[in-house]
Amino acid sequence: MTGLPSEDIAWPPASCEKPYQRFTEWGAWWSGSIHQLSKVYSGQYGTAATGGVLGTSRYDAPFWWGAPVDPTQVPIREHVPIAGDITATSANLLFADPPTLKADDDTTQQRIDDWMQDGLHAVLLEAAEIASAFGGAFIKADWDLEVAEAPIPQAIKPDRVVPEFQWGRLRACTFWTEVAVESGKVYRHLERHEPGVVFHGLYEGTGQRLGHRVPLETLPATEPYARAVNADGAIPTGLPRLACVYIPNMRPSRFFKEPALGRSDFAGIEKPMDSLDMTLSALMRDIHLGKARLIVPQDFLMQAQDEKGRGAWFDLEASVFTPLDVLADSGNLRQEITMVQPDIRYQQYLGTASNWIQQIIRGAGYSTQTFGLVEDSGGQQTATETHARERASLSTRGKKILYWMPQLRELLEILLTIDARIFASGVTPQRIEIKFPDAVKVDQLSLAQTVQAFKAAGAASLQTLVRLAGLVPDDQVDEEVTRIEGEAPEPAAPAQPPEQDSEDEGDPESPPERGRTAPPQT
């Protein structure tokens, strides 16, 4: 048991310097704030671990967002929030439809279903978006008997966590928050997770130093923890493991020395996103400069009555802009007043922007079809056509599920253990069976035609056909087969051929056959 720091150290620790630099950069793109982007790439904004410097010397070419701005000019800087679109798309591909969670007993199953409806599904969506932006996300389990009657899962950004990994697995971590800043003093709440226990501590320090530990009762924000911890400042969890999990977005990471940290969807596409913003800003500058202007004689300009002798004045947004020192001839005004309006090269700019957008989407591992950038081919697409066009996105989704599956199963077992121990809910902690839904919905008409084709060819049993149709859960397939067999109509008996009369027993009323003479009637 290690516990919380007992002496004044640098905070965040030096081990977090490089990851926090990247988190600051990716967080600026994710936020969509032009002020954060400008500060990050101009070296004016950073973290305590970096000394507030995130320069552009790490790159072969400087970023456009880091270029100095002429204070005498009004800057034209536009931003395309494509980073936010990428993270939202990543989360939707994973959890737009909730995964199927199956327990062994009804009590546990009902409890998990209630959690998903009461907010766990939303937490998974939030964590997936965080992981897409920062390369990974933490989810920790909290509980408060006065707030909720169940464990409270929370998604946490990695830029407020000091993780410790061993063999690629999370063995301990410290969540920290700045709860107050007073007269140059920074108060930080540290929450350290170790197997079976959670430590809480409040520290009074500076912007770059952790400082010394003070009682939890010092601030109202941490006072509730003072009533919950034991003499060691800890809260036992009863778990043989941590009360939190780390879900990497994808691996391996291209920047971090720690192999357990995940890779952001933004890794490697920062420069293309910067170039996209530069392209859009150049287009807006062309639009700004392309306003119609009038070239008029000097006499046509306005002059205030109290400013005689100081020359004529004009506004930048006025229709009259450029004076000429000529005499006005009222008989030839058309030749003396000229309107100038440059051509706006919008097609070139939009074409360039389109190329950057496609490069960004491909660099993030997705298909342009997923973002609605492929022209409609006409008619409704089948599941096979959609799957072919979105192959890159579905492949990326499959990779992310590989990292989500074990951590989600671990999280559910943590929540069940806390629920059984703290809330006495009667659930049984166990490994939950998880199944992610298909990202591409199968066209029901195509599926029905496939089932009909198998049935007509006699290539599948009725049980296989019911399972293939997917209209009932797997545990109800046999019952559905029995129901279908019971509702099937009995086959009709084959038609019997009419009985033929023998030659000796003729029908007296029937006409005689050809070539024969009817016997005389008596």
Protein backbone atom coordinates (compact mmCIF):
# COMPACT_ATOMS: atom_id res chain seq x y z
CA MET A 1 0.00 0.00 0.00
CA THR A 2 1.66 3.20 -1.20
CA GLY A 3 -0.80 5.92 -0.27
CA LEU A 4 -0.69 9.63 -1.04
CA PRO A 5 2.48 11.78 -1.31
CA SER A 6 3.93 12.76 2.06
CA GLU A 7 6.22 15.55 0.84
CA ASP A 8 6.18 18.54 -1.47
CA ILE A 9 6.75 17.47 -5.09
CA ALA A 10 6.30 19.00 -8.53
CA TRP A 11 2.73 18.74 -9.75
CA PRO A 12 1.82 17.32 -12.13
CA PRO A 13 4.74 14.87 -11.84
CA ALA A 14 7.50 14.97 -14.44
CA SER A 15 6.32 11.63 -15.83
CA CYS A 16 3.18 13.35 -17.08
CA GLU A 17 4.96 16.16 -18.94
CA LYS A 18 4.92 14.72 -22.47
CA PRO A 19 1.43 13.16 -22.25
CA TYR A 20 -0.02 16.36 -20.79
CA GLN A 21 1.49 18.37 -23.65
CA ARG A 22 -0.39 16.22 -26.13
CA PHE A 23 -3.54 16.28 -24.04
CA THR A 24 -3.41 20.09 -24.04
CA GLU A 25 -2.99 20.16 -27.81
CA TRP A 26 -5.71 17.61 -28.57
CA GLY A 27 -8.02 19.23 -26.02
CA ALA A 28 -7.73 22.54 -27.89
CA TRP A 29 -8.81 20.88 -31.15
CA TRP A 30 -11.64 19.05 -29.42
CA SER A 31 -12.92 22.24 -27.76
CA GLY A 32 -13.12 24.10 -31.09
CA SER A 33 -11.94 27.29 -29.36
CA ILE A 34 -9.87 29.55 -31.61
CA HIS A 35 -8.44 31.22 -28.50
CA GLN A 36 -7.12 27.91 -27.12
CA LEU A 37 -5.69 26.91 -30.49
CA SER A 38 -3.91 30.25 -30.83
CA LYS A 39 -2.48 30.04 -27.32
CA VAL A 40 -1.37 26.43 -27.66
CA TYR A 41 0.55 26.87 -30.91
CA SER A 42 1.93 30.30 -30.05
CA GLY A 43 3.41 28.96 -26.80
CA GLN A 44 1.20 31.09 -24.56
CA TYR A 45 -0.83 28.25 -23.11
CA GLY A 46 0.20 25.00 -21.51
CA THR A 47 0.32 23.16 -18.24
CA ALA A 48 2.31 23.47 -15.10
CA ALA A 49 4.36 20.47 -16.18
CA THR A 50 5.38 22.19 -19.41
CA GLY A 51 5.88 25.64 -17.95
CA GLY A 52 3.17 26.98 -20.21
CA VAL A 53 5.19 26.37 -23.38
CA LEU A 54 3.97 24.17 -26.18
CA GLY A 55 6.05 25.56 -29.01
CA THR A 56 6.00 24.59 -32.66
CA SER A 57 9.65 23.60 -32.90
CA ARG A 58 8.58 19.95 -32.63
CA TYR A 59 7.17 20.09 -36.13
CA ASP A 60 8.81 20.29 -39.52
CA ALA A 61 6.65 23.29 -40.42
CA PRO A 62 5.13 25.84 -38.04
CA PHE A 63 1.42 25.79 -37.48
CA TRP A 64 -0.74 28.49 -39.00
CA TRP A 65 -2.48 28.90 -35.64
CA GLY A 66 0.90 29.76 -34.10
CA ALA A 67 1.72 32.55 -36.54
CA PRO A 68 1.93 36.03 -34.96
CA VAL A 69 -0.99 38.38 -35.52
CA ASP A 70 -0.49 41.95 -36.68
CA PRO A 71 -2.00 44.07 -33.88
CA THR A 72 -2.86 46.82 -36.38
CA GLN A 73 -5.06 44.51 -38.46
CA VAL A 74 -8.30 42.73 -37.69
CA PRO A 75 -7.39 39.02 -37.90
CA ILE A 76 -9.57 36.78 -40.06
CA ARG A 77 -9.31 33.38 -38.43
CA GLU A 78 -11.95 30.75 -38.97
CA HIS A 79 -12.11 27.27 -37.51
CA VAL A 80 -13.75 24.11 -38.87
CA PRO A 81 -14.87 21.97 -35.88
CA ILE A 82 -14.06 18.71 -37.64
CA ALA A 83 -12.28 17.38 -34.55
CA GLY A 84 -15.55 17.46 -32.64
CA ASP A 85 -17.27 15.67 -35.53
CA ILE A 86 -14.66 12.90 -35.38
CA THR A 87 -15.07 12.30 -31.64
CA ALA A 88 -18.87 12.36 -31.84
CA THR A 89 -18.82 9.93 -34.76
CA SER A 90 -16.48 7.59 -32.90
CA ALA A 91 -18.78 7.55 -29.86
CA ASN A 92 -21.87 6.99 -32.01
CA LEU A 93 -20.28 4.09 -33.86
CA LEU A 94 -19.61 2.38 -30.54
CA PHE A 95 -22.57 3.26 -28.33
CA ALA A 96 -25.33 4.93 -30.36
CA ASP A 97 -27.17 1.65 -29.73
CA PRO A 98 -26.36 0.19 -26.30
CA PRO A 99 -24.54 -3.15 -26.17
CA THR A 100 -26.40 -6.22 -24.98
CA LEU A 101 -25.38 -7.08 -21.39
CA LYS A 102 -26.39 -10.53 -20.20
CA ALA A 103 -26.10 -11.82 -16.62
CA ASP A 104 -26.62 -15.33 -15.24
CA ASP A 105 -29.52 -14.50 -12.89
CA ASP A 106 -32.62 -12.35 -13.18
CA THR A 107 -31.84 -10.08 -10.20
CA THR A 108 -28.46 -9.06 -11.58
CA GLN A 109 -29.86 -8.72 -15.08
CA GLN A 110 -32.61 -6.37 -13.92
CA ARG A 111 -30.10 -4.27 -11.97
CA ILE A 112 -27.84 -3.87 -15.00
CA ASP A 113 -30.80 -2.96 -17.21
CA ASP A 114 -31.78 -0.28 -14.70
CA TRP A 115 -28.24 1.13 -14.71
CA MET A 116 -28.19 1.40 -18.48
CA GLN A 117 -31.47 3.32 -18.45
CA ASP A 118 -30.45 5.53 -15.53
CA GLY A 119 -27.22 6.89 -16.98
CA LEU A 120 -24.61 4.18 -17.57
CA HIS A 121 -25.26 4.27 -21.31
CA ALA A 122 -24.68 8.04 -21.34
CA VAL A 123 -21.43 7.60 -19.38
CA LEU A 124 -20.19 5.11 -21.97
CA LEU A 125 -20.96 7.58 -24.77
CA GLU A 126 -19.12 10.32 -22.88
CA ALA A 127 -16.10 8.10 -22.22
CA ALA A 128 -15.96 7.02 -25.86
CA GLU A 129 -15.81 10.64 -27.00
CA ILE A 130 -13.10 11.44 -24.45
CA ALA A 131 -11.08 8.41 -25.54
CA SER A 132 -11.32 9.46 -29.18
CA ALA A 133 -9.89 12.89 -28.38
CA PHE A 134 -7.28 12.05 -25.74
CA GLY A 135 -6.33 8.50 -26.70
CA GLY A 136 -8.05 6.97 -23.70
CA ALA A 137 -10.55 7.56 -20.91
CA PHE A 138 -10.93 6.61 -17.27
CA ILE A 139 -14.18 5.48 -15.68
CA LYS A 140 -14.26 5.32 -11.89
CA ALA A 141 -16.98 4.03 -9.59
CA ASP A 142 -18.13 6.35 -6.79
CA TRP A 143 -20.93 5.96 -4.28
CA ASP A 144 -22.85 8.26 -1.98
CA LEU A 145 -25.75 6.89 0.03
CA GLU A 146 -27.27 10.37 0.30
CA VAL A 147 -27.25 10.94 -3.47
CA ALA A 148 -28.01 7.64 -5.18
CA GLU A 149 -29.02 4.10 -4.29
CA ALA A 150 -26.47 2.59 -6.65
CA PRO A 151 -22.82 3.09 -7.65
CA ILE A 152 -22.13 6.24 -9.65
CA PRO A 153 -19.83 5.74 -12.68
CA GLN A 154 -17.98 8.81 -13.92
CA ALA A 155 -15.98 9.35 -17.13
CA ILE A 156 -12.72 11.23 -16.46
CA LYS A 157 -10.33 12.94 -18.89
CA PRO A 158 -6.74 11.65 -18.71
CA ASP A 159 -5.31 15.16 -18.27
CA ARG A 160 -6.44 15.03 -14.63
CA VAL A 161 -5.08 11.57 -13.84
CA VAL A 162 -1.61 10.29 -12.90
CA PRO A 163 -1.69 6.63 -13.96
CA GLU A 164 0.70 3.81 -13.04
CA PHE A 165 0.89 0.83 -15.38
CA GLN A 166 2.50 -2.58 -15.08
CA TRP A 167 2.58 -5.15 -17.87
CA GLY A 168 0.29 -2.90 -19.86
CA ARG A 169 -2.38 -2.90 -17.13
CA LEU A 170 -3.45 -0.19 -14.74
CA ARG A 171 -2.19 -1.04 -11.23
CA ALA A 172 -2.82 2.33 -9.51
CA CYS A 173 -3.82 5.89 -10.41
CA THR A 174 -4.37 9.28 -8.80
CA PHE A 175 -7.25 11.52 -9.83
CA TRP A 176 -6.69 15.19 -8.99
CA THR A 177 -8.68 18.40 -9.19
CA GLU A 178 -7.98 22.01 -8.31
CA VAL A 179 -10.78 22.77 -5.89
CA ALA A 180 -9.78 26.35 -4.98
CA VAL A 181 -7.25 29.10 -5.71
CA GLU A 182 -6.87 31.73 -3.00
CA SER A 183 -4.16 34.41 -2.76
CA GLY A 184 -1.73 32.46 -4.89
CA LYS A 185 -2.40 29.23 -3.03
CA VAL A 186 -3.69 26.28 -5.04
CA TYR A 187 -5.73 23.63 -3.20
CA ARG A 188 -5.75 20.22 -4.88
CA HIS A 189 -7.84 17.21 -3.98
CA LEU A 190 -6.02 13.93 -4.67
CA GLU A 191 -7.93 10.65 -4.91
CA ARG A 192 -5.59 7.68 -5.20
CA HIS A 193 -6.94 4.28 -6.23
CA GLU A 194 -5.18 1.10 -5.18
CA PRO A 195 -6.55 -2.46 -5.04
CA GLY A 196 -9.15 -2.59 -2.28
CA VAL A 197 -8.79 1.00 -1.10
CA VAL A 198 -9.23 4.65 -2.15
CA PHE A 199 -7.19 7.40 -0.46
CA HIS A 200 -8.34 11.01 -0.21
CA GLY A 201 -6.16 14.01 0.59
CA LEU A 202 -6.20 17.80 0.32
CA TYR A 203 -2.98 19.69 -0.46
CA GLU A 204 -2.12 23.36 -0.26
CA GLY A 205 0.53 24.32 -2.82
CA THR A 206 1.33 26.57 -5.77
CA GLY A 207 0.78 26.46 -9.49
CA GLN A 208 3.69 24.05 -10.01
CA ARG A 209 4.16 22.45 -6.56
CA LEU A 210 1.88 20.09 -4.71
CA GLY A 211 2.67 21.60 -1.32
CA HIS A 212 1.80 20.14 2.06
CA ARG A 213 -1.22 18.15 3.16
CA VAL A 214 -4.02 19.87 5.04
CA PRO A 215 -7.16 18.45 6.70
CA LEU A 216 -10.04 17.56 4.40
CA GLU A 217 -12.30 19.76 6.53
CA THR A 218 -10.42 22.85 5.31
CA LEU A 219 -12.69 23.34 2.31
CA PRO A 220 -16.41 22.63 1.93
CA ALA A 221 -15.76 20.73 -1.32
CA THR A 222 -13.72 18.04 0.47
CA GLU A 223 -15.45 18.04 3.86
CA PRO A 224 -17.75 15.08 3.00
CA TYR A 225 -14.68 12.89 2.45
CA ALA A 226 -13.48 13.66 5.97
CA ARG A 227 -16.52 11.82 7.37
CA ALA A 228 -16.01 8.81 5.11
CA VAL A 229 -12.28 8.04 5.43
CA ASN A 230 -10.68 6.03 8.22
CA ALA A 231 -7.68 6.98 10.34
CA ASP A 232 -5.37 6.36 7.38
CA GLY A 233 -7.37 8.70 5.16
CA ALA A 234 -8.68 5.78 3.14
CA ILE A 235 -12.02 4.23 2.18
CA PRO A 236 -11.98 0.41 1.86
CA THR A 237 -13.82 -0.80 -1.24
CA GLY A 238 -13.89 -4.54 -0.61
CA LEU A 239 -12.59 -5.09 -4.13
CA PRO A 240 -9.61 -7.27 -4.99
CA ARG A 241 -8.91 -4.76 -7.76
CA LEU A 242 -9.09 -1.04 -8.50
CA ALA A 243 -12.39 0.81 -8.43
CA CYS A 244 -11.65 2.30 -11.84
CA VAL A 245 -10.65 1.24 -15.35
CA TYR A 246 -8.69 2.77 -18.21
CA ILE A 247 -10.00 2.26 -21.74
CA PRO A 248 -7.45 2.98 -24.48
CA ASN A 249 -8.86 4.34 -27.71
CA MET A 250 -6.49 2.25 -29.83
CA ARG A 251 -2.91 1.07 -29.60
CA PRO A 252 -0.02 1.42 -30.16
CA SER A 253 0.56 5.05 -29.36
CA ARG A 254 2.72 6.99 -31.81
CA PHE A 255 4.00 9.55 -29.30
CA PHE A 256 4.13 8.17 -25.76
CA LYS A 257 6.89 6.06 -24.28
CA GLU A 258 4.35 4.34 -22.04
CA PRO A 259 2.95 1.57 -24.28
CA ALA A 260 -0.25 1.24 -22.24
CA LEU A 261 -1.46 4.72 -23.19
CA GLY A 262 -3.84 4.82 -26.12
CA ARG A 263 -3.69 6.68 -29.43
CA SER A 264 -5.90 9.65 -30.15
CA ASP A 265 -7.91 9.90 -33.34
CA PHE A 266 -6.21 13.29 -33.79
CA ALA A 267 -2.70 11.82 -33.73
CA GLY A 268 -1.01 12.69 -37.02
CA ILE A 269 -3.80 14.89 -38.42
CA GLU A 270 -3.10 18.05 -36.42
CA LYS A 271 -1.33 19.69 -39.35
CA PRO A 272 -4.07 18.85 -41.90
CA MET A 273 -6.67 20.28 -39.52
CA ASP A 274 -4.52 23.40 -39.18
CA SER A 275 -4.27 23.67 -42.98
CA LEU A 276 -8.05 23.29 -43.31
CA ASP A 277 -8.56 26.24 -40.99
CA MET A 278 -6.01 28.26 -42.96
CA THR A 279 -7.84 27.47 -46.20
CA LEU A 280 -11.22 28.51 -44.84
CA SER A 281 -9.72 31.69 -43.37
CA ALA A 282 -8.16 32.53 -46.74
CA LEU A 283 -11.58 32.11 -48.36
CA MET A 284 -13.15 34.44 -45.81
CA ARG A 285 -10.37 36.94 -46.46
CA ASP A 286 -11.15 36.83 -50.17
CA ILE A 287 -14.80 37.43 -49.41
CA HIS A 288 -13.86 40.34 -47.17
CA LEU A 289 -11.60 41.88 -49.80
CA GLY A 290 -14.08 41.13 -52.58
CA LYS A 291 -16.60 43.68 -51.44
CA ALA A 292 -17.74 46.10 -54.10
CA ARG A 293 -15.93 49.48 -53.96
CA LEU A 294 -16.59 52.80 -55.69
CA ILE A 295 -13.80 54.96 -57.13
CA VAL A 296 -15.10 58.54 -57.11
CA PRO A 297 -13.70 62.05 -57.52
CA GLN A 298 -12.38 63.95 -54.53
CA ASP A 299 -15.38 66.27 -54.51
CA PHE A 300 -17.73 63.35 -53.89
CA LEU A 301 -16.25 62.55 -50.47
CA MET A 302 -17.83 63.73 -47.24
CA GLN A 303 -16.23 66.20 -44.88
CA ALA A 304 -17.39 67.29 -41.44
CA GLN A 305 -18.18 70.95 -41.01
CA ASP A 306 -15.81 71.38 -38.05
CA GLU A 307 -12.89 69.55 -39.72
CA LYS A 308 -12.23 71.80 -42.69
CA GLY A 309 -8.64 71.84 -43.73
CA ARG A 310 -8.01 68.35 -42.36
CA GLY A 311 -9.04 66.54 -45.51
CA ALA A 312 -11.96 64.29 -46.28
CA TRP A 313 -12.73 61.22 -44.18
CA PHE A 314 -14.11 57.78 -44.98
CA ASP A 315 -15.10 54.57 -43.25
CA LEU A 316 -13.63 51.22 -44.21
CA GLU A 317 -17.11 49.76 -44.55
CA ALA A 318 -18.45 52.71 -46.55
CA SER A 319 -19.49 52.24 -50.14
CA VAL A 320 -17.28 55.21 -51.19
CA PHE A 321 -13.71 54.12 -50.60
CA THR A 322 -11.01 55.38 -53.02
CA PRO A 323 -10.81 59.10 -53.88
CA LEU A 324 -9.39 60.58 -57.08
CA ASP A 325 -8.09 64.16 -57.27
CA VAL A 326 -10.18 65.19 -60.28
CA LEU A 327 -12.91 67.73 -60.84
CA ALA A 328 -16.40 66.45 -60.98
CA ASP A 329 -18.18 66.95 -64.25
CA SER A 330 -21.89 66.67 -63.71
CA GLY A 331 -22.38 65.84 -67.36
CA ASN A 332 -20.09 62.82 -67.33
CA LEU A 333 -20.69 61.14 -63.97
CA ARG A 334 -20.77 57.65 -65.40
CA GLN A 335 -17.14 57.91 -66.50
CA GLU A 336 -15.96 59.39 -63.21
CA ILE A 337 -17.66 56.88 -60.86
CA THR A 338 -16.30 53.34 -61.22
CA MET A 339 -17.31 50.24 -59.28
CA VAL A 340 -14.58 47.67 -58.60
CA GLN A 341 -15.38 44.15 -57.33
CA PRO A 342 -12.64 41.48 -57.56
CA ASP A 343 -13.49 37.88 -58.38
CA ILE A 344 -13.73 35.54 -55.38
CA ARG A 345 -11.85 32.29 -56.00
CA TYR A 346 -14.30 30.25 -53.98
CA GLN A 347 -14.16 27.15 -56.20
CA GLN A 348 -10.41 26.76 -55.73
CA TYR A 349 -10.70 27.27 -51.99
CA LEU A 350 -13.61 24.86 -51.60
CA GLY A 351 -11.81 22.24 -53.68
CA THR A 352 -8.73 22.57 -51.51
CA ALA A 353 -10.83 22.41 -48.35
CA SER A 354 -12.58 19.27 -49.61
CA ASN A 355 -9.23 17.57 -50.18
CA TRP A 356 -8.08 18.47 -46.67
CA ILE A 357 -11.33 17.16 -45.16
CA GLN A 358 -10.97 13.83 -46.94
CA GLN A 359 -7.35 13.53 -45.84
CA ILE A 360 -8.31 14.30 -42.23
CA ILE A 361 -11.10 11.72 -42.18
CA ARG A 362 -8.89 9.02 -43.73
CA GLY A 363 -6.07 9.90 -41.34
CA ALA A 364 -8.41 9.41 -38.39
CA GLY A 365 -9.32 5.95 -39.71
CA TYR A 366 -12.81 6.60 -41.03
CA SER A 367 -14.66 6.58 -44.34
CA THR A 368 -15.98 9.75 -45.88
CA GLN A 369 -19.33 7.97 -46.32
CA THR A 370 -19.70 7.94 -42.53
CA PHE A 371 -19.63 11.74 -42.53
CA GLY A 372 -22.12 12.01 -45.39
CA LEU A 373 -19.56 13.28 -47.93
CA VAL A 374 -20.28 10.71 -50.68
CA GLU A 375 -22.83 11.67 -53.30
CA ASP A 376 -26.04 9.72 -53.26
CA SER A 377 -25.97 6.97 -55.88
CA GLY A 378 -29.75 6.97 -56.11
CA GLY A 379 -32.17 4.69 -54.36
CA GLN A 380 -31.85 3.05 -50.99
CA GLN A 381 -28.52 1.37 -50.28
CA THR A 382 -28.44 -2.23 -49.16
CA ALA A 383 -26.50 -3.35 -46.12
CA THR A 384 -23.84 -4.84 -48.38
CA GLU A 385 -23.34 -1.55 -50.25
CA THR A 386 -23.21 0.44 -47.02
CA HIS A 387 -20.70 -1.99 -45.52
CA ALA A 388 -18.45 -1.69 -48.57
CA ARG A 389 -18.49 2.11 -48.51
CA GLU A 390 -17.90 2.33 -44.76
CA ARG A 391 -15.28 -0.40 -44.55
CA ALA A 392 -12.63 1.86 -42.98
CA SER A 393 -15.03 3.14 -40.31
CA LEU A 394 -16.27 -0.34 -39.46
CA SER A 395 -12.70 -1.62 -39.27
CA THR A 396 -11.78 1.18 -36.86
CA ARG A 397 -14.89 0.45 -34.81
CA GLY A 398 -13.91 -3.22 -34.60
CA LYS A 399 -10.45 -2.30 -33.31
CA LYS A 400 -11.88 -0.06 -30.63
CA ILE A 401 -14.32 -2.74 -29.49
CA LEU A 402 -11.34 -5.03 -28.85
CA TYR A 403 -10.10 -2.55 -26.23
CA TRP A 404 -13.53 -1.66 -24.87
CA MET A 405 -14.77 -5.22 -24.33
CA PRO A 406 -12.49 -6.36 -21.46
CA GLN A 407 -12.56 -3.00 -19.69
CA LEU A 408 -16.33 -2.72 -19.89
CA ARG A 409 -16.64 -6.23 -18.47
CA GLU A 410 -14.23 -5.24 -15.67
CA LEU A 411 -16.23 -2.06 -14.97
CA LEU A 412 -19.51 -3.97 -14.69
CA GLU A 413 -17.97 -6.43 -12.25
CA ILE A 414 -16.66 -3.52 -10.16
CA LEU A 415 -20.10 -1.89 -10.08
CA LEU A 416 -21.78 -5.17 -9.15
CA THR A 417 -19.30 -5.81 -6.30
CA ILE A 418 -19.81 -2.32 -4.85
CA ASP A 419 -23.57 -2.64 -5.31
CA ALA A 420 -23.64 -5.94 -3.42
CA ARG A 421 -21.30 -4.78 -0.63
CA ILE A 422 -22.39 -1.18 -0.06
CA PHE A 423 -26.04 -1.22 -1.12
CA ALA A 424 -26.92 -4.88 -0.33
CA SER A 425 -28.94 -5.09 -3.53
CA GLY A 426 -28.81 -8.89 -3.76
CA VAL A 427 -26.89 -8.93 -7.05
CA THR A 428 -24.20 -11.51 -7.74
CA PRO A 429 -20.84 -10.12 -8.90
CA GLN A 430 -19.95 -11.99 -12.08
CA ARG A 431 -18.48 -11.68 -15.52
CA ILE A 432 -21.12 -10.19 -17.81
CA GLU A 433 -21.56 -11.37 -21.36
CA ILE A 434 -21.28 -8.39 -23.71
CA LYS A 435 -22.38 -8.18 -27.32
CA PHE A 436 -22.05 -5.01 -29.40
CA PRO A 437 -24.80 -4.47 -31.98
CA ASP A 438 -24.09 -4.40 -35.68
CA ALA A 439 -23.09 -0.96 -36.90
CA VAL A 440 -24.89 -1.45 -40.22
CA LYS A 441 -28.52 -2.40 -39.95
CA VAL A 442 -29.50 -5.34 -42.14
CA ASP A 443 -32.18 -4.55 -44.70
CA GLN A 444 -35.21 -6.61 -43.68
CA LEU A 445 -36.37 -7.17 -47.26
CA SER A 446 -32.97 -8.52 -48.32
CA LEU A 447 -32.86 -10.71 -45.21
CA ALA A 448 -36.34 -12.08 -45.91
CA GLN A 449 -35.33 -12.91 -49.49
CA THR A 450 -32.23 -14.70 -48.20
CA VAL A 451 -34.27 -16.76 -45.74
CA GLN A 452 -36.78 -17.63 -48.49
CA ALA A 453 -33.98 -18.70 -50.82
CA PHE A 454 -32.47 -21.04 -48.20
CA LYS A 455 -35.89 -22.48 -47.44
CA ALA A 456 -36.73 -23.10 -51.10
CA ALA A 457 -33.38 -24.79 -51.69
CA GLY A 458 -33.76 -26.95 -48.59
CA ALA A 459 -30.32 -25.77 -47.47
CA ALA A 460 -31.21 -24.93 -43.85
CA SER A 461 -33.42 -26.27 -41.10
CA LEU A 462 -36.34 -24.34 -39.69
CA GLN A 463 -34.37 -23.61 -36.53
CA THR A 464 -31.49 -22.13 -38.57
CA LEU A 465 -33.90 -20.03 -40.62
CA VAL A 466 -35.53 -18.58 -37.48
CA ARG A 467 -32.12 -17.79 -36.02
CA LEU A 468 -31.04 -16.19 -39.31
CA ALA A 469 -34.13 -13.97 -39.44
CA GLY A 470 -33.18 -12.56 -36.03
CA LEU A 471 -36.72 -11.63 -35.04
CA VAL A 472 -36.54 -13.38 -31.66
CA PRO A 473 -33.72 -13.73 -29.11
CA ASP A 474 -31.52 -16.80 -29.28
CA ASP A 475 -33.05 -18.31 -26.15
CA GLN A 476 -36.52 -18.20 -27.76
CA VAL A 477 -35.61 -19.80 -31.09
CA ASP A 478 -36.83 -23.30 -30.09
CA GLU A 479 -40.11 -21.89 -28.82
CA GLU A 480 -40.59 -19.97 -32.07
CA VAL A 481 -39.90 -23.12 -34.12
CA THR A 482 -42.51 -25.03 -32.13
CA ARG A 483 -45.02 -22.21 -32.63
CA ILE A 484 -44.40 -22.14 -36.40
CA GLU A 485 -44.79 -25.91 -36.68
CA GLY A 486 -48.03 -25.76 -34.68
CA GLU A 487 -49.48 -23.01 -36.87
CA ALA A 488 -48.53 -24.65 -40.15
CA PRO A 489 -51.65 -25.97 -42.00
CA GLU A 490 -51.95 -29.73 -42.53
CA PRO A 491 -51.02 -30.76 -46.07
CA ALA A 492 -54.05 -31.53 -48.24
CA ALA A 493 -54.62 -35.15 -49.32
CA PRO A 494 -53.60 -35.86 -52.92
CA ALA A 495 -56.47 -35.90 -55.45
CA GLN A 496 -57.71 -39.41 -56.44
CA PRO A 497 -58.17 -40.16 -60.15
CA PRO A 498 -61.78 -40.90 -61.21
CA GLU A 499 -62.78 -44.60 -61.34
CA GLN A 500 -63.02 -46.05 -64.85
CA ASP A 501 -65.97 -48.35 -65.77
CA SER A 502 -65.14 -51.78 -67.20
CA GLU A 503 -65.99 -52.60 -70.80
CA ASP A 504 -68.68 -55.09 -69.75
CA GLU A 505 -70.56 -52.61 -67.58
CA GLY A 506 -71.47 -49.77 -69.87
CA ASP A 507 -73.52 -46.75 -68.98
CA PRO A 508 -76.77 -47.02 -70.89
CA GLU A 509 -77.11 -43.27 -71.04
CA SER A 510 -73.59 -42.64 -72.28
CA PRO A 511 -73.09 -42.18 -75.99
CA PRO A 512 -71.69 -45.16 -77.90
CA GLU A 513 -68.04 -45.24 -78.72
CA ARG A 514 -66.93 -44.58 -82.25
CA GLY A 515 -66.97 -47.61 -84.48
CA ARG A 516 -69.47 -49.51 -82.35
CA THR A 517 -73.21 -49.93 -82.80
CA ALA A 518 -75.53 -49.44 -79.93
CA PRO A 519 -77.63 -52.46 -79.00
CA PRO A 520 -81.32 -52.21 -79.81
CA GLN A 521 -83.60 -51.03 -77.04
CA THR A 522 -86.44 -53.37 -76.00
